[in-house]
Amino acid sequence: MERETYDNPFDALMDTPEAAANMTLRSDLMRAIRKEVQGWGEAQTAAAARLSVSQPRLNDLLRNRINKFSLDALVTLASRAGLTVRLDVKTAAMA
């Protein structure tokens, strides 16, 4: 049996390249938001208020519950956290 290797774990886990790309973007956004929020050094209730979400919703984010967040929701949270979100799009040949 030949082993397959992947540059991105989501390529191995997801059924389609599109789903893998979506999960990769969501993961990157969650990581950036989590880092920013943890840098605030605030209690979750205060950080949740800054993001205009409930404390349980923030807890989902901090615990990497990626399936509970759409890409759109994460872009909104990143903006509320004071982050600038940019998307870098390349052709497959350039990647």
N, C-alpha and C. Protein backbone atom coordinates (compact mmCIF):
# COMPACT_ATOMS: atom_id res chain seq x y z
N MET A 1 0.84 -1.18 0.00
CA MET A 1 0.00 0.00 0.00
C MET A 1 0.89 1.25 0.00
N GLU A 2 0.64 2.14 -0.93
CA GLU A 2 1.42 3.36 -1.05
C GLU A 2 0.84 4.45 -0.16
N ARG A 3 1.72 5.16 0.53
CA ARG A 3 1.29 6.25 1.39
C ARG A 3 1.14 7.53 0.59
N GLU A 4 0.09 8.26 0.92
CA GLU A 4 -0.09 9.58 0.31
C GLU A 4 0.39 10.62 1.30
N THR A 5 0.99 11.67 0.78
CA THR A 5 1.40 12.78 1.63
C THR A 5 0.69 14.04 1.16
N TYR A 6 0.43 14.92 2.11
CA TYR A 6 -0.30 16.15 1.83
C TYR A 6 0.42 17.34 2.44
N ASP A 7 0.38 18.45 1.75
CA ASP A 7 0.95 19.69 2.28
C ASP A 7 0.05 20.28 3.37
N ASN A 8 -1.22 20.00 3.27
CA ASN A 8 -2.23 20.57 4.15
C ASN A 8 -3.06 19.43 4.71
N PRO A 9 -3.23 19.33 6.03
CA PRO A 9 -4.02 18.23 6.59
C PRO A 9 -5.47 18.21 6.10
N PHE A 10 -6.02 19.38 5.79
CA PHE A 10 -7.40 19.41 5.32
C PHE A 10 -7.54 18.75 3.95
N ASP A 11 -6.47 18.74 3.16
CA ASP A 11 -6.52 18.02 1.87
C ASP A 11 -6.77 16.54 2.10
N ALA A 12 -6.26 16.00 3.18
CA ALA A 12 -6.46 14.59 3.49
C ALA A 12 -7.83 14.33 4.13
N LEU A 13 -8.32 15.30 4.87
CA LEU A 13 -9.55 15.10 5.65
C LEU A 13 -10.84 15.41 4.90
N MET A 14 -10.78 16.32 3.95
CA MET A 14 -11.99 16.77 3.29
C MET A 14 -12.21 16.01 1.98
N ASP A 15 -13.46 15.96 1.55
CA ASP A 15 -13.83 15.22 0.34
C ASP A 15 -13.44 15.91 -0.95
N THR A 16 -13.38 17.24 -0.92
CA THR A 16 -13.09 17.98 -2.15
C THR A 16 -12.02 19.04 -1.88
N PRO A 17 -11.32 19.46 -2.92
CA PRO A 17 -10.36 20.55 -2.75
C PRO A 17 -11.02 21.85 -2.29
N GLU A 18 -12.26 22.06 -2.72
CA GLU A 18 -12.98 23.27 -2.33
C GLU A 18 -13.24 23.27 -0.83
N ALA A 19 -13.67 22.13 -0.31
CA ALA A 19 -13.93 22.03 1.13
C ALA A 19 -12.63 22.19 1.92
N ALA A 20 -11.55 21.64 1.41
CA ALA A 20 -10.24 21.77 2.07
C ALA A 20 -9.80 23.23 2.10
N ALA A 21 -10.01 23.94 1.01
CA ALA A 21 -9.64 25.35 0.94
C ALA A 21 -10.46 26.17 1.95
N ASN A 22 -11.76 25.89 2.04
CA ASN A 22 -12.62 26.59 2.97
C ASN A 22 -12.17 26.34 4.41
N MET A 23 -11.88 25.09 4.74
CA MET A 23 -11.44 24.76 6.09
C MET A 23 -10.09 25.40 6.41
N THR A 24 -9.21 25.47 5.43
CA THR A 24 -7.90 26.09 5.64
C THR A 24 -8.07 27.57 5.98
N LEU A 25 -8.91 28.26 5.23
CA LEU A 25 -9.16 29.68 5.50
C LEU A 25 -9.80 29.87 6.87
N ARG A 26 -10.75 29.03 7.19
CA ARG A 26 -11.40 29.13 8.50
C ARG A 26 -10.40 28.89 9.63
N SER A 27 -9.56 27.90 9.46
CA SER A 27 -8.55 27.60 10.47
C SER A 27 -7.58 28.75 10.66
N ASP A 28 -7.12 29.33 9.55
CA ASP A 28 -6.20 30.47 9.63
C ASP A 28 -6.84 31.65 10.34
N LEU A 29 -8.09 31.92 10.03
CA LEU A 29 -8.80 33.03 10.68
C LEU A 29 -9.00 32.76 12.17
N MET A 30 -9.39 31.55 12.50
CA MET A 30 -9.60 31.21 13.92
C MET A 30 -8.30 31.39 14.70
N ARG A 31 -7.20 30.95 14.13
CA ARG A 31 -5.91 31.06 14.80
C ARG A 31 -5.56 32.54 15.04
N ALA A 32 -5.76 33.37 14.04
CA ALA A 32 -5.43 34.79 14.16
C ALA A 32 -6.33 35.48 15.19
N ILE A 33 -7.61 35.18 15.16
CA ILE A 33 -8.54 35.79 16.12
C ILE A 33 -8.20 35.34 17.53
N ARG A 34 -7.97 34.04 17.70
CA ARG A 34 -7.64 33.51 19.03
C ARG A 34 -6.38 34.18 19.58
N LYS A 35 -5.36 34.32 18.75
CA LYS A 35 -4.12 34.97 19.18
C LYS A 35 -4.37 36.41 19.61
N GLU A 36 -5.17 37.12 18.83
CA GLU A 36 -5.49 38.51 19.15
C GLU A 36 -6.26 38.60 20.46
N VAL A 37 -7.28 37.79 20.63
CA VAL A 37 -8.12 37.82 21.83
C VAL A 37 -7.29 37.45 23.06
N GLN A 38 -6.46 36.44 22.95
CA GLN A 38 -5.62 36.05 24.09
C GLN A 38 -4.64 37.16 24.45
N GLY A 39 -4.21 37.94 23.47
CA GLY A 39 -3.31 39.06 23.72
C GLY A 39 -3.98 40.18 24.50
N TRP A 40 -5.29 40.23 24.47
CA TRP A 40 -6.00 41.26 25.22
C TRP A 40 -5.85 41.04 26.73
N GLY A 41 -5.67 39.79 27.14
CA GLY A 41 -5.53 39.49 28.56
C GLY A 41 -6.78 39.76 29.37
N GLU A 42 -7.93 39.63 28.75
CA GLU A 42 -9.21 39.88 29.41
C GLU A 42 -9.93 38.57 29.72
N ALA A 43 -10.88 38.65 30.62
CA ALA A 43 -11.77 37.52 30.87
C ALA A 43 -12.61 37.28 29.61
N GLN A 44 -13.06 36.05 29.45
CA GLN A 44 -13.85 35.72 28.26
C GLN A 44 -15.11 36.57 28.15
N THR A 45 -15.72 36.91 29.24
CA THR A 45 -16.95 37.73 29.16
C THR A 45 -16.64 39.11 28.58
N ALA A 46 -15.53 39.70 29.00
CA ALA A 46 -15.16 41.02 28.48
C ALA A 46 -14.75 40.93 27.01
N ALA A 47 -13.98 39.90 26.67
CA ALA A 47 -13.55 39.72 25.28
C ALA A 47 -14.76 39.44 24.39
N ALA A 48 -15.70 38.66 24.87
CA ALA A 48 -16.91 38.37 24.10
C ALA A 48 -17.70 39.65 23.85
N ALA A 49 -17.79 40.50 24.85
CA ALA A 49 -18.49 41.77 24.69
C ALA A 49 -17.81 42.63 23.63
N ARG A 50 -16.47 42.65 23.62
CA ARG A 50 -15.74 43.42 22.60
C ARG A 50 -16.03 42.91 21.20
N LEU A 51 -16.27 41.59 21.09
CA LEU A 51 -16.55 40.99 19.78
C LEU A 51 -18.04 40.95 19.45
N SER A 52 -18.87 41.39 20.38
CA SER A 52 -20.34 41.36 20.22
C SER A 52 -20.86 39.95 20.02
N VAL A 53 -20.33 39.00 20.80
CA VAL A 53 -20.81 37.62 20.80
C VAL A 53 -21.02 37.19 22.24
N SER A 54 -21.70 36.08 22.43
CA SER A 54 -21.88 35.54 23.78
C SER A 54 -20.57 34.88 24.24
N GLN A 55 -20.44 34.73 25.54
CA GLN A 55 -19.25 34.07 26.07
C GLN A 55 -19.16 32.62 25.59
N PRO A 56 -20.27 31.85 25.54
CA PRO A 56 -20.17 30.50 25.00
C PRO A 56 -19.71 30.47 23.53
N ARG A 57 -20.13 31.47 22.77
CA ARG A 57 -19.71 31.55 21.36
C ARG A 57 -18.20 31.80 21.28
N LEU A 58 -17.69 32.70 22.12
CA LEU A 58 -16.26 32.94 22.15
C LEU A 58 -15.51 31.69 22.60
N ASN A 59 -16.06 30.99 23.56
CA ASN A 59 -15.44 29.76 24.03
C ASN A 59 -15.32 28.74 22.90
N ASP A 60 -16.34 28.65 22.05
CA ASP A 60 -16.28 27.77 20.88
C ASP A 60 -15.09 28.14 19.99
N LEU A 61 -14.89 29.42 19.80
CA LEU A 61 -13.79 29.89 18.98
C LEU A 61 -12.44 29.55 19.63
N LEU A 62 -12.32 29.82 20.92
CA LEU A 62 -11.07 29.58 21.62
C LEU A 62 -10.74 28.09 21.73
N ARG A 63 -11.74 27.26 21.65
CA ARG A 63 -11.54 25.80 21.72
C ARG A 63 -11.50 25.15 20.34
N ASN A 64 -11.34 25.98 19.32
CA ASN A 64 -11.16 25.49 17.94
C ASN A 64 -12.33 24.66 17.41
N ARG A 65 -13.53 25.00 17.78
CA ARG A 65 -14.70 24.28 17.27
C ARG A 65 -15.05 24.86 15.89
N ILE A 66 -14.21 24.50 14.93
CA ILE A 66 -14.24 25.10 13.59
C ILE A 66 -15.57 24.88 12.89
N ASN A 67 -16.22 23.77 13.14
CA ASN A 67 -17.49 23.47 12.46
C ASN A 67 -18.64 24.37 12.91
N LYS A 68 -18.43 25.13 13.96
CA LYS A 68 -19.48 26.04 14.44
C LYS A 68 -19.39 27.43 13.81
N PHE A 69 -18.39 27.63 12.93
CA PHE A 69 -18.17 28.96 12.35
C PHE A 69 -18.07 28.90 10.84
N SER A 70 -18.83 29.76 10.19
CA SER A 70 -18.70 29.91 8.74
C SER A 70 -17.53 30.85 8.46
N LEU A 71 -17.07 30.83 7.24
CA LEU A 71 -16.01 31.74 6.83
C LEU A 71 -16.47 33.18 7.01
N ASP A 72 -17.71 33.46 6.64
CA ASP A 72 -18.28 34.80 6.77
C ASP A 72 -18.29 35.26 8.23
N ALA A 73 -18.71 34.39 9.14
CA ALA A 73 -18.75 34.74 10.56
C ALA A 73 -17.35 35.03 11.09
N LEU A 74 -16.37 34.28 10.64
CA LEU A 74 -15.00 34.50 11.10
C LEU A 74 -14.41 35.80 10.56
N VAL A 75 -14.76 36.16 9.34
CA VAL A 75 -14.31 37.44 8.79
C VAL A 75 -14.89 38.57 9.63
N THR A 76 -16.14 38.46 10.00
CA THR A 76 -16.78 39.47 10.85
C THR A 76 -16.09 39.56 12.20
N LEU A 77 -15.83 38.42 12.83
CA LEU A 77 -15.16 38.43 14.13
C LEU A 77 -13.75 38.99 14.03
N ALA A 78 -13.04 38.67 12.97
CA ALA A 78 -11.69 39.21 12.79
C ALA A 78 -11.73 40.72 12.69
N SER A 79 -12.69 41.24 11.96
CA SER A 79 -12.84 42.68 11.83
C SER A 79 -13.15 43.32 13.17
N ARG A 80 -14.05 42.71 13.93
CA ARG A 80 -14.39 43.23 15.26
C ARG A 80 -13.20 43.18 16.20
N ALA A 81 -12.29 42.23 15.97
CA ALA A 81 -11.09 42.11 16.80
C ALA A 81 -10.01 43.10 16.39
N GLY A 82 -10.29 43.87 15.34
CA GLY A 82 -9.33 44.86 14.87
C GLY A 82 -8.32 44.33 13.88
N LEU A 83 -8.60 43.17 13.32
CA LEU A 83 -7.72 42.57 12.33
C LEU A 83 -8.16 42.96 10.93
N THR A 84 -7.23 43.05 10.02
CA THR A 84 -7.52 43.29 8.62
C THR A 84 -7.41 41.95 7.90
N VAL A 85 -8.46 41.56 7.21
CA VAL A 85 -8.47 40.28 6.50
C VAL A 85 -8.28 40.55 5.02
N ARG A 86 -7.31 39.86 4.45
CA ARG A 86 -7.06 39.95 3.01
C ARG A 86 -6.97 38.53 2.47
N LEU A 87 -7.42 38.36 1.26
CA LEU A 87 -7.38 37.07 0.61
C LEU A 87 -6.39 37.13 -0.54
N ASP A 88 -5.44 36.22 -0.56
CA ASP A 88 -4.44 36.16 -1.61
C ASP A 88 -4.83 35.02 -2.56
N VAL A 89 -5.21 35.35 -3.76
CA VAL A 89 -5.68 34.37 -4.73
C VAL A 89 -4.63 34.18 -5.80
N LYS A 90 -4.28 32.92 -6.05
CA LYS A 90 -3.28 32.58 -7.07
C LYS A 90 -3.82 31.47 -7.95
N THR A 91 -3.31 31.39 -9.15
CA THR A 91 -3.68 30.26 -9.99
C THR A 91 -2.98 29.02 -9.45
N ALA A 92 -3.52 27.85 -9.74
CA ALA A 92 -2.95 26.61 -9.24
C ALA A 92 -1.49 26.45 -9.67
N ALA A 93 -1.15 26.92 -10.85
CA ALA A 93 0.22 26.81 -11.34
C ALA A 93 1.19 27.63 -10.50
N MET A 94 0.71 28.71 -9.88
CA MET A 94 1.56 29.58 -9.08
C MET A 94 1.68 29.11 -7.64
N ALA A 95 0.75 28.28 -7.19
CA ALA A 95 0.74 27.84 -5.80
C ALA A 95 1.83 26.89 -5.53
